[in-house]
Amino acid sequence: MSTKVRSHTIDDVTLQLAHPVELPMEWVGRPELSLQLRAAWLLLDDEDTPLTPRLLGKPGVGKTTLAYAVARSLGREVYLMQATMDTRPEDLIVTPVIADDNKLRYVASPVVTAMIRGGVLVLDEGNRMSEKSWASLAPLLDQRRYVESLVAGIRIMAHPDFRMVATMNDDASTFDLPEYIHSRLQPQILIDFPEAEEEKLILQRILPFASEAILDYVVAFLQRAHGAEERYTVRDGINITRYALKTQAMALQQQQSELAMEQAVAQSIDMILGSEALRYLVRVGN
């Protein structure tokens, strides 16, 4: 990806633009979720406006992957903005910085860059953000489709091709959205835990070097945990598999006896999720 500085001028104010992200992400989950997101962004008429959906699910179920993959499948530039409790309104729009020549310059956020370029903005973990920050985006989320930068003194209109989606974690470490924002982030697309076959396919795509036996073992663990409504996700399964494979490889490099698959996976689960998670570890076929 080019690192050349890109800029855009509005009312004699020049904004330095962000760069889109290029990530090796592919959605291999339920195809209907991809269709639901595409439908939210579809325009039916010149007077129509796109919806701004929110993807809701537990951490690690693939919300960001879904958003990124659908945006790229549409041939759009993708911009990611990570929301936190410390995200300020100016972080979402335009930030003034002092350049090397001691002159004031304005840096556009990924949100504003996507608006200007007609790209897709993925606002990650949006419900970790305060109401004050959400308020700065309210005009963007309805028919007005603009934001205002107080520090730069400009109004920024969204390109007709601009699309946005917010991912939100279903956990206790988040804010409740104010109603006027909640009503603007529609529809809600729920991403739940995958079924066993789908979960194994995801692991195979991400870890093509892992044996089928170890993938079956990890998927059996995850499915049993899902049945008990634990919060372990396919992301945990990826990390468990990776670490188990690495410990097996390390044992061979140190000329130790080969570490059995069951032992490697159990050790990996213990170190990544804690000893309580071992209750869901069962032999494949049991």
Protein backbone atom coordinates (compact mmCIF):
# COMPACT_ATOMS: atom_id res chain seq x y z
CA MET A 1 0.00 0.00 0.00
CA SER A 2 1.33 3.45 -0.87
CA THR A 3 2.52 5.65 2.01
CA LYS A 4 2.30 8.82 -0.08
CA VAL A 5 0.54 11.63 1.80
CA ARG A 6 -2.96 12.22 0.44
CA SER A 7 -4.90 15.41 1.03
CA HIS A 8 -8.26 17.03 0.37
CA THR A 9 -9.24 20.70 0.62
CA ILE A 10 -12.58 22.01 1.93
CA ASP A 11 -13.20 25.76 2.18
CA ASP A 12 -9.46 26.49 1.98
CA VAL A 13 -8.72 24.01 4.78
CA THR A 14 -6.46 21.17 3.68
CA LEU A 15 -6.95 17.83 5.38
CA GLN A 16 -4.33 15.10 5.43
CA LEU A 17 -6.15 11.86 4.73
CA ALA A 18 -5.70 8.45 6.31
CA HIS A 19 -4.83 5.33 4.32
CA PRO A 20 -7.19 2.38 3.85
CA VAL A 21 -6.37 -0.93 5.47
CA GLU A 22 -5.34 -4.04 3.56
CA LEU A 23 -5.94 -7.17 5.62
CA PRO A 24 -5.97 -10.91 4.79
CA MET A 25 -9.57 -11.33 5.97
CA GLU A 26 -12.10 -13.66 4.38
CA TRP A 27 -15.62 -14.34 5.62
CA VAL A 28 -16.36 -18.06 5.68
CA GLY A 29 -19.33 -17.94 8.02
CA ARG A 30 -23.06 -17.96 7.35
CA PRO A 31 -23.73 -16.41 3.91
CA GLU A 32 -27.02 -14.87 5.04
CA LEU A 33 -25.09 -12.50 7.34
CA SER A 34 -23.18 -11.17 4.35
CA LEU A 35 -26.45 -10.68 2.46
CA GLN A 36 -27.99 -8.83 5.42
CA LEU A 37 -25.10 -6.37 5.49
CA ARG A 38 -25.19 -5.86 1.74
CA ALA A 39 -28.94 -5.19 1.93
CA ALA A 40 -28.41 -2.48 4.54
CA TRP A 41 -26.01 -0.66 2.20
CA LEU A 42 -28.12 -1.09 -0.94
CA LEU A 43 -29.77 1.92 -2.60
CA LEU A 44 -33.14 1.47 -4.31
CA ASP A 45 -33.56 4.97 -5.71
CA ASP A 46 -31.68 8.22 -6.22
CA GLU A 47 -33.56 9.59 -3.22
CA ASP A 48 -32.69 6.59 -1.05
CA THR A 49 -29.93 6.64 1.58
CA PRO A 50 -27.93 3.68 2.93
CA LEU A 51 -28.57 2.31 6.39
CA THR A 52 -25.85 2.15 9.04
CA PRO A 53 -26.15 -1.30 10.61
CA ARG A 54 -24.60 -2.53 13.81
CA LEU A 55 -23.06 -5.98 14.07
CA LEU A 56 -23.66 -7.39 17.53
CA GLY A 57 -22.02 -10.43 19.05
CA LYS A 58 -19.55 -11.71 21.57
CA PRO A 59 -15.88 -10.78 21.13
CA GLY A 60 -14.15 -13.00 18.60
CA VAL A 61 -17.12 -14.21 16.54
CA GLY A 62 -16.00 -12.44 13.36
CA LYS A 63 -17.87 -9.12 13.32
CA THR A 64 -14.94 -7.10 11.97
CA THR A 65 -14.05 -9.85 9.51
CA LEU A 66 -17.60 -9.86 8.13
CA ALA A 67 -17.66 -6.07 7.72
CA TYR A 68 -14.24 -5.94 6.08
CA ALA A 69 -14.87 -8.86 3.74
CA VAL A 70 -18.23 -7.53 2.51
CA ALA A 71 -16.78 -4.05 1.93
CA ARG A 72 -13.86 -5.45 -0.05
CA SER A 73 -16.19 -7.68 -2.08
CA LEU A 74 -17.89 -4.46 -3.21
CA GLY A 75 -14.57 -3.09 -4.40
CA ARG A 76 -14.44 -0.34 -1.76
CA GLU A 77 -11.58 1.08 0.23
CA VAL A 78 -11.95 0.07 3.88
CA TYR A 79 -11.07 2.22 6.87
CA LEU A 80 -11.03 0.94 10.44
CA MET A 81 -11.58 3.11 13.50
CA GLN A 82 -11.10 1.50 16.90
CA ALA A 83 -13.44 3.00 19.49
CA THR A 84 -12.47 3.14 23.16
CA MET A 85 -13.77 4.83 26.29
CA ASP A 86 -11.16 7.55 25.65
CA THR A 87 -12.23 8.30 22.07
CA ARG A 88 -12.95 12.03 21.79
CA PRO A 89 -15.19 13.77 19.22
CA GLU A 90 -12.14 15.32 17.54
CA ASP A 91 -10.55 11.86 17.25
CA LEU A 92 -13.52 10.87 15.10
CA ILE A 93 -13.35 13.88 12.83
CA VAL A 94 -10.28 16.15 12.47
CA THR A 95 -7.23 16.47 14.71
CA PRO A 96 -4.92 19.52 14.59
CA VAL A 97 -1.18 18.74 14.74
CA ILE A 98 1.98 20.80 14.68
CA ALA A 99 4.08 19.79 11.66
CA ASP A 100 7.88 19.86 11.36
CA ASP A 101 7.71 23.37 9.94
CA ASN A 102 5.81 24.51 13.08
CA LYS A 103 2.70 25.10 11.03
CA LEU A 104 -0.70 23.82 12.08
CA ARG A 105 -2.00 20.96 9.96
CA TYR A 106 -5.27 19.09 10.09
CA VAL A 107 -5.39 15.30 10.02
CA ALA A 108 -8.60 13.61 8.95
CA SER A 109 -9.73 10.56 10.89
CA PRO A 110 -10.50 7.26 9.17
CA VAL A 111 -14.17 8.28 9.47
CA VAL A 112 -13.70 11.52 7.56
CA THR A 113 -11.32 9.96 5.05
CA ALA A 114 -13.88 7.27 4.22
CA MET A 115 -16.55 9.97 3.86
CA ILE A 116 -14.40 11.97 1.44
CA ARG A 117 -13.14 8.98 -0.56
CA GLY A 118 -16.45 7.14 -0.76
CA GLY A 119 -15.06 4.20 1.17
CA VAL A 120 -16.43 2.00 3.93
CA LEU A 121 -15.88 2.89 7.57
CA VAL A 122 -15.86 0.06 10.12
CA LEU A 123 -16.25 1.56 13.58
CA ASP A 124 -14.95 -1.24 15.77
CA GLU A 125 -16.41 -1.85 19.25
CA GLY A 126 -18.60 1.22 18.96
CA ASN A 127 -20.40 0.70 22.25
CA ARG A 128 -17.18 1.33 24.16
CA MET A 129 -17.51 4.97 23.09
CA SER A 130 -19.15 7.71 25.17
CA GLU A 131 -22.36 9.55 24.25
CA LYS A 132 -20.41 12.78 23.67
CA SER A 133 -18.38 11.11 20.94
CA TRP A 134 -21.44 9.50 19.38
CA ALA A 135 -23.17 12.89 19.34
CA SER A 136 -20.51 14.24 16.97
CA LEU A 137 -21.52 11.54 14.45
CA ALA A 138 -25.30 11.97 14.75
CA PRO A 139 -25.69 14.09 11.57
CA LEU A 140 -23.72 11.48 9.63
CA LEU A 141 -26.09 8.69 10.63
CA ASP A 142 -29.26 10.17 9.13
CA GLN A 143 -30.27 11.85 5.89
CA ARG A 144 -27.95 14.82 6.52
CA ARG A 145 -24.81 12.68 6.06
CA TYR A 146 -22.27 15.20 7.28
CA VAL A 147 -20.01 15.96 10.24
CA GLU A 148 -18.72 19.26 11.48
CA SER A 149 -15.17 19.93 12.66
CA LEU A 150 -15.09 22.66 15.27
CA VAL A 151 -11.28 22.74 15.34
CA ALA A 152 -11.04 23.24 11.55
CA GLY A 153 -14.25 25.22 11.21
CA ILE A 154 -15.62 23.18 8.32
CA ARG A 155 -18.57 20.97 7.46
CA ILE A 156 -17.69 17.72 5.71
CA MET A 157 -20.27 16.04 3.50
CA ALA A 158 -20.23 12.30 2.87
CA HIS A 159 -19.57 11.02 -0.65
CA PRO A 160 -22.64 9.23 -2.11
CA ASP A 161 -20.69 5.95 -2.04
CA PHE A 162 -19.76 6.25 1.64
CA ARG A 163 -20.96 3.39 3.80
CA MET A 164 -20.55 2.72 7.51
CA VAL A 165 -21.03 -0.14 9.92
CA ALA A 166 -20.46 -0.35 13.67
CA THR A 167 -19.40 -3.53 15.44
CA MET A 168 -20.49 -3.93 19.03
CA ASN A 169 -19.51 -6.44 21.66
CA ASP A 170 -22.19 -8.14 23.68
CA ASP A 171 -20.46 -7.88 27.06
CA ALA A 172 -20.52 -5.90 30.29
CA SER A 173 -17.59 -3.58 29.52
CA THR A 174 -19.60 -1.31 27.22
CA PHE A 175 -21.84 1.75 27.34
CA ASP A 176 -25.55 1.72 26.61
CA LEU A 177 -26.20 3.64 23.41
CA PRO A 178 -28.37 6.76 23.73
CA GLU A 179 -31.74 6.25 22.05
CA TYR A 180 -31.15 8.86 19.35
CA ILE A 181 -28.02 6.96 18.28
CA HIS A 182 -29.55 3.52 18.74
CA SER A 183 -32.38 4.44 16.35
CA ARG A 184 -29.83 5.56 13.74
CA LEU A 185 -27.79 2.34 13.85
CA GLN A 186 -30.20 0.00 12.16
CA PRO A 187 -30.66 -2.81 11.39
CA GLN A 188 -29.06 -4.95 14.08
CA ILE A 189 -27.28 -7.97 12.63
CA LEU A 190 -26.62 -10.62 15.25
CA ILE A 191 -23.55 -12.84 14.85
CA ASP A 192 -23.73 -15.91 17.05
CA PHE A 193 -21.39 -18.83 17.63
CA PRO A 194 -20.92 -20.95 14.48
CA GLU A 195 -21.97 -24.57 14.14
CA ALA A 196 -19.26 -27.26 14.31
CA GLU A 197 -18.82 -27.64 10.53
CA GLU A 198 -18.61 -23.89 10.02
CA GLU A 199 -16.22 -23.48 12.95
CA LYS A 200 -13.89 -26.12 11.57
CA LEU A 201 -13.96 -24.48 8.13
CA ILE A 202 -12.92 -21.16 9.69
CA LEU A 203 -10.03 -22.83 11.51
CA GLN A 204 -8.95 -24.63 8.32
CA ARG A 205 -8.91 -21.38 6.32
CA ILE A 206 -6.83 -19.55 8.92
CA LEU A 207 -4.61 -22.49 9.92
CA PRO A 208 -4.16 -24.56 6.73
CA PHE A 209 -1.01 -26.12 8.20
CA ALA A 210 -2.88 -27.69 11.15
CA SER A 211 -3.82 -31.37 11.00
CA GLU A 212 -7.47 -32.34 10.78
CA ALA A 213 -7.12 -34.31 14.00
CA ILE A 214 -6.13 -31.30 16.09
CA LEU A 215 -8.80 -29.13 14.47
CA ASP A 216 -11.46 -31.73 15.30
CA TYR A 217 -10.19 -31.79 18.87
CA VAL A 218 -10.35 -28.01 19.26
CA VAL A 219 -13.76 -27.74 17.57
CA ALA A 220 -15.16 -30.38 19.93
CA PHE A 221 -13.89 -28.29 22.86
CA LEU A 222 -15.44 -25.10 21.47
CA GLN A 223 -18.80 -26.69 20.70
CA ARG A 224 -19.08 -28.12 24.19
CA ALA A 225 -18.24 -24.69 25.63
CA HIS A 226 -20.85 -23.03 23.38
CA GLY A 227 -23.45 -25.48 24.67
CA ALA A 228 -22.64 -24.35 28.22
CA GLU A 229 -22.98 -20.69 27.12
CA GLU A 230 -19.34 -19.94 27.79
CA ARG A 231 -17.86 -16.93 26.00
CA TYR A 232 -15.06 -18.86 24.29
CA THR A 233 -15.00 -18.10 20.57
CA VAL A 234 -13.37 -19.25 17.36
CA ARG A 235 -10.67 -16.63 18.03
CA ASP A 236 -9.83 -18.56 21.20
CA GLY A 237 -9.82 -21.75 19.15
CA ILE A 238 -7.33 -20.23 16.70
CA ASN A 239 -5.01 -19.20 19.54
CA ILE A 240 -5.34 -22.59 21.25
CA THR A 241 -4.50 -24.43 18.04
CA ARG A 242 -1.57 -22.18 17.22
CA TYR A 243 -0.01 -22.48 20.65
CA ALA A 244 -0.54 -26.24 20.81
CA LEU A 245 1.20 -26.63 17.44
CA LYS A 246 4.06 -24.40 18.55
CA THR A 247 4.62 -26.31 21.79
CA GLN A 248 4.70 -29.57 19.85
CA ALA A 249 7.24 -28.11 17.42
CA MET A 250 9.35 -26.73 20.26
CA ALA A 251 9.43 -30.12 21.96
CA LEU A 252 10.79 -31.68 18.75
CA GLN A 253 13.38 -28.90 18.31
CA GLN A 254 14.62 -29.53 21.84
CA GLN A 255 14.89 -33.23 21.01
CA GLN A 256 12.37 -34.09 23.67
CA SER A 257 9.80 -36.83 23.32
CA GLU A 258 6.91 -35.88 21.04
CA LEU A 259 4.18 -34.01 22.89
CA ALA A 260 0.85 -35.81 22.44
CA MET A 261 -1.92 -33.83 20.78
CA GLU A 262 -4.23 -34.11 23.79
CA GLN A 263 -1.51 -32.92 26.13
CA ALA A 264 -0.53 -30.02 23.87
CA VAL A 265 -4.13 -28.84 23.48
CA ALA A 266 -4.84 -29.17 27.21
CA GLN A 267 -1.72 -27.17 28.06
CA SER A 268 -2.68 -24.54 25.50
CA ILE A 269 -6.23 -24.22 26.85
CA ASP A 270 -4.93 -23.92 30.41
CA MET A 271 -2.50 -21.14 29.48
CA ILE A 272 -4.89 -19.20 27.23
CA LEU A 273 -8.27 -19.59 28.94
CA GLY A 274 -7.40 -20.89 32.40
CA SER A 275 -7.78 -24.23 34.14
CA GLU A 276 -11.57 -23.96 34.48
CA ALA A 277 -11.90 -24.22 30.70
CA LEU A 278 -10.40 -27.73 30.78
CA ARG A 279 -13.80 -29.10 31.86
CA TYR A 280 -14.94 -28.76 28.23
CA LEU A 281 -12.02 -30.72 26.81
CA VAL A 282 -13.14 -34.13 25.56
CA ARG A 283 -11.61 -36.69 23.25
CA VAL A 284 -12.92 -36.48 19.72
CA GLY A 285 -15.61 -39.11 19.31
CA ASN A 286 -16.53 -39.21 23.00
